[in-house]
């Protein structure tokens, strides 16, 4: 699974992608509003805005946003402008919120970002920063699968048709020389599209032999007796690949660059704090997960899941380009034109001020 940058592509998305917009990512479709942010008395508003609406998922791979919320970093940088939060269960619902103008900035995975960008003809969003890498594994039942070749003929779950992990597993299966029909999931290995919420129960019941899933689902399967057979990071150069990006409405970026820059400063601060204080950060993330969902993760799930995720400001643009190419090769996406999907100008200004090196857009930046 080389992460080389693919050629720029002519815009077209096949019929499956509108269907993915109704489901995608395997996290459901509801957003939970959280208006608990506190604005300091007398603080000055940024760009004259009353609020900035920030969306994220209740996943460990969205730890940057969880820490930014929990530690008040977004609010501190936004000053008198209120940081409002919406917790999503699905990529498409977050994209829809951005497109409708009910959300300004979001943390999201690569597949919905690509789908949202291409389906709008490149007019609705930009990727403005990175957030996380890794955190995806193939976990199997060690009683039925003891080696990679044993995966052939088995039933392997992915979160959803065409989502980031589904594409990754289909690409890996093809590299093994196995034939799988992407739409039906039938072939030399059976791909079972299963919501991450129910996959652990399906695994426990024996209706699937394994799953290619993100954290914390992978660690939940391990807690049920599963074994990590393959860490997806090992398939990528330098063991890095994008799992979470920061995106923004293009109109909001154009009209309120100071507010966007403030959110990016908070994101960079969050990642720096996470990497400098991993145990405290893990606790903060779990605390915010409990606040958002009413349920914290147990240590046997949280600890190994946390270890597999790297928090980074770099959007790892070349790996997103490669992931899009894998979707094309799987037959889930026609050649998309990703030129202009990134605008890393503000992020690189923030990084320069912080004394950090600039990050690259792999030739896919807005001009």
Protein backbone atom coordinates (compact mmCIF):
# COMPACT_ATOMS: atom_id res chain seq x y z
CA UNK A 1 0.00 0.00 0.00
CA UNK A 2 2.49 2.65 -1.07
CA UNK A 3 1.59 6.20 -0.21
CA UNK A 4 2.80 7.74 -3.45
CA UNK A 5 0.91 10.71 -4.80
CA UNK A 6 -1.39 9.70 -7.66
CA UNK A 7 -1.90 11.88 -10.75
CA UNK A 8 -4.53 14.59 -10.58
CA UNK A 9 -7.81 13.22 -11.76
CA UNK A 10 -10.85 14.30 -13.76
CA UNK A 11 -13.87 14.87 -11.55
CA UNK A 12 -16.52 12.15 -11.40
CA UNK A 13 -17.94 10.10 -8.58
CA UNK A 14 -19.89 6.94 -9.36
CA UNK A 15 -23.39 6.20 -8.16
CA UNK A 16 -22.34 4.45 -4.98
CA UNK A 17 -21.10 7.66 -3.39
CA UNK A 18 -24.48 9.41 -3.11
CA UNK A 19 -25.59 6.32 -1.24
CA UNK A 20 -22.58 6.60 1.02
CA UNK A 21 -23.65 10.12 1.85
CA UNK A 22 -26.66 8.65 3.61
CA UNK A 23 -24.63 6.30 5.75
CA UNK A 24 -20.80 6.26 5.44
CA UNK A 25 -18.14 5.82 8.09
CA UNK A 26 -20.24 3.39 10.11
CA UNK A 27 -20.93 5.71 13.01
CA UNK A 28 -24.66 6.39 12.63
CA UNK A 29 -26.07 9.74 11.60
CA UNK A 30 -26.88 11.92 14.58
CA UNK A 31 -25.09 14.96 15.98
CA UNK A 32 -25.10 15.84 19.66
CA UNK A 33 -25.02 19.56 20.39
CA UNK A 34 -22.89 20.78 23.28
CA UNK A 35 -23.20 24.46 24.15
CA UNK A 36 -21.29 24.33 27.44
CA UNK A 37 -18.36 26.50 26.31
CA UNK A 38 -17.66 29.46 28.62
CA UNK A 39 -16.67 32.84 27.29
CA UNK A 40 -14.43 34.98 29.48
CA UNK A 41 -16.13 38.16 30.64
CA UNK A 42 -15.00 41.18 28.63
CA UNK A 43 -13.08 39.09 26.06
CA UNK A 44 -13.01 40.47 22.52
CA UNK A 45 -14.82 38.61 19.76
CA UNK A 46 -12.84 37.41 16.74
CA UNK A 47 -13.98 38.71 13.34
CA UNK A 48 -17.11 40.01 15.07
CA UNK A 49 -18.41 36.44 15.43
CA UNK A 50 -20.71 35.44 18.25
CA UNK A 51 -19.63 31.80 17.91
CA UNK A 52 -17.65 29.25 15.92
CA UNK A 53 -19.29 25.84 15.54
CA UNK A 54 -16.84 22.94 15.74
CA UNK A 55 -17.73 19.31 14.95
CA UNK A 56 -15.97 16.07 15.84
CA UNK A 57 -16.65 12.37 16.50
CA UNK A 58 -16.64 10.65 19.86
CA UNK A 59 -13.63 8.57 18.77
CA UNK A 60 -10.11 8.35 20.16
CA UNK A 61 -8.83 9.25 16.69
CA UNK A 62 -10.46 12.65 17.26
CA UNK A 63 -8.39 13.17 20.40
CA UNK A 64 -7.18 16.59 19.25
CA UNK A 65 -10.72 17.94 19.29
CA UNK A 66 -11.62 16.12 22.51
CA UNK A 67 -8.62 17.63 24.31
CA UNK A 68 -9.22 21.04 22.76
CA UNK A 69 -12.74 20.98 24.15
CA UNK A 70 -11.91 19.41 27.52
CA UNK A 71 -9.03 21.78 28.27
CA UNK A 72 -10.78 24.86 26.93
CA UNK A 73 -8.09 25.47 24.30
CA UNK A 74 -10.49 26.39 21.50
CA UNK A 75 -12.35 28.79 23.76
CA UNK A 76 -9.15 30.41 25.01
CA UNK A 77 -7.94 31.10 21.47
CA UNK A 78 -11.36 32.33 20.31
CA UNK A 79 -11.58 34.85 23.18
CA UNK A 80 -15.01 36.49 23.24
CA UNK A 81 -16.29 34.31 20.41
CA UNK A 82 -18.03 31.26 21.84
CA UNK A 83 -16.74 27.81 20.87
CA UNK A 84 -19.81 25.65 20.26
CA UNK A 85 -19.51 21.91 19.74
CA UNK A 86 -21.47 19.26 17.87
CA UNK A 87 -20.56 15.59 18.36
CA UNK A 88 -21.27 13.52 15.26
CA UNK A 89 -21.63 9.80 14.68
CA UNK A 90 -21.17 9.91 10.90
CA UNK A 91 -18.95 11.57 8.32
CA UNK A 92 -21.78 12.35 5.89
CA UNK A 93 -23.88 14.06 8.56
CA UNK A 94 -20.90 16.27 9.40
CA UNK A 95 -20.37 17.07 5.71
CA UNK A 96 -24.07 17.88 5.39
CA UNK A 97 -23.83 20.19 8.41
CA UNK A 98 -20.88 21.99 6.81
CA UNK A 99 -22.63 22.26 3.46
CA UNK A 100 -25.81 23.62 5.06
CA UNK A 101 -23.87 26.23 7.03
CA UNK A 102 -24.85 24.83 10.43
CA UNK A 103 -21.21 23.87 11.12
CA UNK A 104 -18.07 25.90 10.46
CA UNK A 105 -15.11 23.61 11.16
CA UNK A 106 -14.93 19.85 11.60
CA UNK A 107 -12.61 16.99 12.45
CA UNK A 108 -13.25 14.13 10.01
CA UNK A 109 -11.76 11.09 8.28
CA UNK A 110 -10.24 11.10 4.78
CA UNK A 111 -12.99 9.27 2.86
CA UNK A 112 -15.85 11.62 3.78
CA UNK A 113 -13.55 14.60 3.17
CA UNK A 114 -12.75 13.33 -0.34
CA UNK A 115 -16.38 12.44 -1.04
CA UNK A 116 -17.63 15.79 0.21
CA UNK A 117 -15.07 17.71 -1.82
CA UNK A 118 -15.58 15.84 -5.08
CA UNK A 119 -19.38 15.72 -4.91
CA UNK A 120 -19.49 19.51 -4.55
CA UNK A 121 -17.14 20.01 -7.48
CA UNK A 122 -14.48 21.28 -5.10
CA UNK A 123 -16.62 24.21 -3.93
CA UNK A 124 -17.71 23.45 -0.38
CA UNK A 125 -14.77 22.57 1.86
CA UNK A 126 -11.03 22.66 2.37
CA UNK A 127 -8.73 20.50 4.45
CA UNK A 128 -6.81 22.98 6.59
CA UNK A 129 -4.82 20.73 8.91
CA UNK A 130 -4.01 17.29 10.22
CA UNK A 131 -5.01 15.73 13.50
CA UNK A 132 -4.18 12.03 13.76
CA UNK A 133 -2.46 9.09 12.09
CA UNK A 134 -2.90 5.35 12.60
CA UNK A 135 -5.26 3.66 14.99
CA UNK A 136 -6.53 0.98 12.58
CA UNK A 137 -5.98 -2.78 12.84
CA UNK A 138 -7.11 -6.12 11.46
CA UNK A 139 -8.26 -8.03 14.55
CA UNK A 140 -9.16 -11.72 14.16
CA UNK A 141 -10.41 -14.75 16.04
CA UNK A 142 -7.18 -16.68 16.79
CA UNK A 143 -9.14 -19.96 16.79
CA UNK A 144 -10.00 -19.61 13.09
CA UNK A 145 -7.21 -17.34 11.77
CA UNK A 146 -3.57 -17.78 12.74
CA UNK A 147 -1.83 -16.17 9.74
CA UNK A 148 -2.55 -13.61 7.05
CA UNK A 149 -3.18 -16.32 4.45
CA UNK A 150 -5.90 -17.75 6.70
CA UNK A 151 -7.99 -14.62 6.11
CA UNK A 152 -8.96 -16.02 2.70
CA UNK A 153 -12.38 -17.61 2.84
CA UNK A 154 -13.28 -15.92 6.12
CA UNK A 155 -15.86 -13.24 7.06
CA UNK A 156 -14.19 -9.91 7.84
CA UNK A 157 -16.12 -6.85 8.99
CA UNK A 158 -15.46 -3.25 7.95
CA UNK A 159 -17.43 -0.25 9.24
CA UNK A 160 -19.28 0.48 6.00
CA UNK A 161 -19.26 0.22 2.24
CA UNK A 162 -16.72 2.68 0.87
CA UNK A 163 -15.57 4.09 4.20
CA UNK A 164 -11.86 4.57 4.89
CA UNK A 165 -11.31 1.15 6.49
CA UNK A 166 -13.46 -0.63 3.89
CA UNK A 167 -11.31 0.79 1.10
CA UNK A 168 -8.13 -0.12 2.96
CA UNK A 169 -9.21 -3.73 3.46
CA UNK A 170 -10.36 -4.14 -0.15
CA UNK A 171 -7.01 -2.74 -1.33
CA UNK A 172 -5.08 -5.09 0.97
CA UNK A 173 -7.13 -8.10 -0.17
CA UNK A 174 -6.42 -7.21 -3.81
CA UNK A 175 -2.71 -7.05 -3.01
CA UNK A 176 -2.96 -10.64 -1.74
CA UNK A 177 -4.29 -11.63 -5.16
CA UNK A 178 -7.83 -12.22 -3.88
CA UNK A 179 -10.89 -11.18 -5.85
CA UNK A 180 -13.74 -9.47 -4.01
CA UNK A 181 -16.77 -7.72 -5.48
CA UNK A 182 -16.64 -4.32 -3.78
CA UNK A 183 -20.38 -3.73 -3.87
CA UNK A 184 -21.59 -7.08 -2.53
CA UNK A 185 -18.51 -7.89 -0.46
CA UNK A 186 -18.50 -11.43 -1.86
CA UNK A 187 -15.44 -13.21 -3.17
CA UNK A 188 -12.30 -14.95 -1.95
CA UNK A 189 -12.97 -13.24 1.37
CA UNK A 190 -16.42 -12.08 2.50
CA UNK A 191 -16.57 -8.42 3.55
CA UNK A 192 -19.32 -7.79 6.10
CA UNK A 193 -20.27 -4.13 6.47
CA UNK A 194 -21.01 -3.74 10.17
CA UNK A 195 -21.54 -0.64 12.31
CA UNK A 196 -18.65 -0.22 14.76
CA UNK A 197 -21.17 -0.19 17.59
CA UNK A 198 -22.35 -3.75 16.85
CA UNK A 199 -19.13 -5.30 15.52
CA UNK A 200 -17.88 -6.41 18.98
CA UNK A 201 -21.15 -8.28 19.58
CA UNK A 202 -20.97 -9.88 16.12
CA UNK A 203 -17.39 -10.94 16.84
CA UNK A 204 -18.33 -12.34 20.24
CA UNK A 205 -21.23 -14.28 18.67
CA UNK A 206 -18.93 -15.76 16.00
CA UNK A 207 -20.82 -14.31 13.03
CA UNK A 208 -17.58 -12.70 11.80
CA UNK A 209 -14.02 -14.02 11.95
CA UNK A 210 -12.39 -10.62 12.29
CA UNK A 211 -12.61 -6.94 11.44
CA UNK A 212 -10.54 -4.16 9.87
CA UNK A 213 -11.55 -1.33 12.19
CA UNK A 214 -10.40 1.89 13.89
CA UNK A 215 -9.88 2.47 17.58
CA UNK A 216 -11.41 1.95 20.03
CA UNK A 217 -13.33 -0.82 18.20
CA UNK A 218 -10.14 -2.77 17.51
CA UNK A 219 -9.22 -2.85 21.20
CA UNK A 220 -12.79 -3.78 22.11
CA UNK A 221 -12.40 -6.87 19.90
CA UNK A 222 -9.10 -7.71 21.58
CA UNK A 223 -10.87 -7.45 24.94
CA UNK A 224 -13.32 -10.06 23.60
CA UNK A 225 -10.47 -12.47 22.87
CA UNK A 226 -9.37 -11.21 19.46
CA UNK A 227 -5.79 -10.88 18.25
CA UNK A 228 -4.25 -8.05 16.25
CA UNK A 229 -3.09 -9.75 13.07
CA UNK A 230 -2.09 -6.59 11.21
CA UNK A 231 -1.59 -2.94 12.15
CA UNK A 232 -2.44 -0.88 9.05
CA UNK A 233 0.37 1.55 9.86
CA UNK A 234 2.91 -1.13 8.89
CA UNK A 235 1.63 -0.93 5.29
CA UNK A 236 2.54 2.74 4.88
CA UNK A 237 5.89 4.51 4.44
CA UNK A 238 7.18 5.66 7.84
CA UNK A 239 4.11 3.87 9.31
CA UNK A 240 2.05 7.05 8.95
CA UNK A 241 -1.31 7.57 7.24
CA UNK A 242 -4.06 10.08 7.79
CA UNK A 243 -7.04 8.99 9.87
CA UNK A 244 -8.36 12.44 10.93
CA UNK A 245 -8.22 15.82 9.18
CA UNK A 246 -9.49 19.30 10.00
CA UNK A 247 -11.88 20.73 7.41
CA UNK A 248 -13.68 24.04 7.03
CA UNK A 249 -16.41 25.58 4.91
CA UNK A 250 -14.70 27.50 2.12
CA UNK A 251 -17.01 30.49 2.63
CA UNK A 252 -16.18 30.58 6.36
CA UNK A 253 -12.45 30.35 5.61
CA UNK A 254 -12.66 33.27 3.19
CA UNK A 255 -14.80 35.46 5.46
CA UNK A 256 -13.30 34.63 8.88
CA UNK A 257 -9.62 33.67 8.52
CA UNK A 258 -8.77 34.96 12.01
CA UNK A 259 -11.31 32.63 13.59
CA UNK A 260 -9.98 29.70 11.55
CA UNK A 261 -6.43 30.56 12.58
CA UNK A 262 -7.52 30.64 16.24
CA UNK A 263 -8.97 27.13 15.95
CA UNK A 264 -5.77 25.93 14.27
CA UNK A 265 -3.66 27.46 17.05
CA UNK A 266 -5.74 25.55 19.58
CA UNK A 267 -5.35 22.35 17.56
CA UNK A 268 -1.57 22.72 17.42
CA UNK A 269 -1.52 23.45 21.16
CA UNK A 270 -3.69 20.38 21.81
CA UNK A 271 -1.41 18.09 19.82
CA UNK A 272 1.68 19.50 21.51
CA UNK A 273 0.13 18.92 24.95
CA UNK A 274 -1.06 15.41 24.01
CA UNK A 275 2.40 14.38 22.89
CA UNK A 276 4.10 15.95 25.92
CA UNK A 277 1.61 14.58 28.47
CA UNK A 278 0.26 11.29 27.02
CA UNK A 279 -1.19 9.91 30.26
CA UNK A 280 -2.90 13.16 31.23
CA UNK A 281 -4.13 13.54 27.65
CA UNK A 282 -5.56 10.03 27.63
CA UNK A 283 -7.46 10.81 30.82
CA UNK A 284 -8.73 14.12 29.39
CA UNK A 285 -9.95 12.41 26.23
CA UNK A 286 -11.78 9.75 28.22
CA UNK A 287 -13.30 12.41 30.46
CA UNK A 288 -14.63 14.26 27.41
CA UNK A 289 -15.93 11.03 25.88
CA UNK A 290 -17.88 10.40 29.05
CA UNK A 291 -19.20 13.97 29.07
CA UNK A 292 -20.32 13.67 25.45
CA UNK A 293 -21.73 10.14 25.50
CA UNK A 294 -22.30 9.32 29.15
CA UNK A 295 -19.83 6.44 29.01
CA UNK A 296 -16.06 6.32 29.47
CA UNK A 297 -13.83 3.61 28.01
CA UNK A 298 -12.47 0.91 30.36
CA UNK A 299 -8.70 0.78 30.82
CA UNK A 300 -8.36 -2.54 28.97
CA UNK A 301 -9.74 -0.84 25.87
CA UNK A 302 -8.44 2.70 26.31
CA UNK A 303 -4.79 1.90 27.04
CA UNK A 304 -3.91 -0.24 23.97
CA UNK A 305 -6.07 1.89 21.67
CA UNK A 306 -4.28 5.07 22.75
CA UNK A 307 -0.89 3.54 22.02
CA UNK A 308 -1.76 2.94 18.35
CA UNK A 309 -2.65 6.56 17.51
CA UNK A 310 -0.22 9.37 16.68
CA UNK A 311 -1.42 12.95 16.95
CA UNK A 312 0.10 15.20 14.33
CA UNK A 313 -0.46 18.60 12.73
CA UNK A 314 0.68 17.18 9.39
CA UNK A 315 -2.33 16.21 7.23
CA UNK A 316 -0.17 13.57 5.50
CA UNK A 317 -1.59 14.70 2.18
CA UNK A 318 0.17 12.10 0.04
CA UNK A 319 -1.54 9.32 1.98
CA UNK A 320 -4.98 10.84 1.41
CA UNK A 321 -4.20 10.96 -2.31
CA UNK A 322 -3.17 7.30 -2.17
CA UNK A 323 -6.34 6.36 -0.26
CA UNK A 324 -8.44 8.01 -2.97
CA UNK A 325 -6.54 6.01 -5.59
CA UNK A 326 -7.27 2.79 -3.67
CA UNK A 327 -10.99 3.65 -3.80
CA UNK A 328 -10.68 4.12 -7.56
CA UNK A 329 -8.93 0.77 -7.94
CA UNK A 330 -11.63 -0.93 -5.84
CA UNK A 331 -14.31 0.44 -8.16
CA UNK A 332 -15.88 2.68 -5.51
CA UNK A 333 -14.72 6.00 -6.93
CA UNK A 334 -14.10 7.36 -10.40
CA UNK A 335 -10.98 9.42 -10.94
CA UNK A 336 -11.46 12.52 -8.74
CA UNK A 337 -9.74 15.85 -9.15
CA UNK A 338 -8.33 16.59 -5.70
CA UNK A 339 -6.43 19.70 -6.76
CA UNK A 340 -7.36 22.43 -4.30
CA UNK A 341 -8.66 20.17 -1.53
CA UNK A 342 -5.98 21.56 0.84
CA UNK A 343 -5.30 25.07 2.05
CA UNK A 344 -2.50 24.84 4.61
CA UNK A 345 -1.58 28.54 4.53
CA UNK A 346 -2.92 29.40 7.98
CA UNK A 347 -1.64 26.19 9.55
CA UNK A 348 1.87 26.85 8.28
CA UNK A 349 1.72 30.39 9.67
CA UNK A 350 0.74 28.97 13.06
CA UNK A 351 3.51 26.36 12.88
CA UNK A 352 6.08 29.00 11.91
CA UNK A 353 5.11 31.13 14.91
CA UNK A 354 5.45 28.05 17.11
CA UNK A 355 8.91 27.35 15.69
CA UNK A 356 7.75 24.21 13.90
CA UNK A 357 8.45 23.18 10.28
CA UNK A 358 5.87 23.71 7.57
CA UNK A 359 3.76 20.81 6.30
CA UNK A 360 3.16 19.82 2.68
CA UNK A 361 -0.02 19.53 0.62
CA UNK A 362 1.44 16.99 -1.88
CA UNK A 363 0.67 19.34 -4.76
CA UNK A 364 -3.05 19.38 -3.93
CA UNK A 365 -3.24 22.86 -2.45
CA UNK A 366 -5.60 25.68 -3.40
CA UNK A 367 -4.07 28.18 -5.77
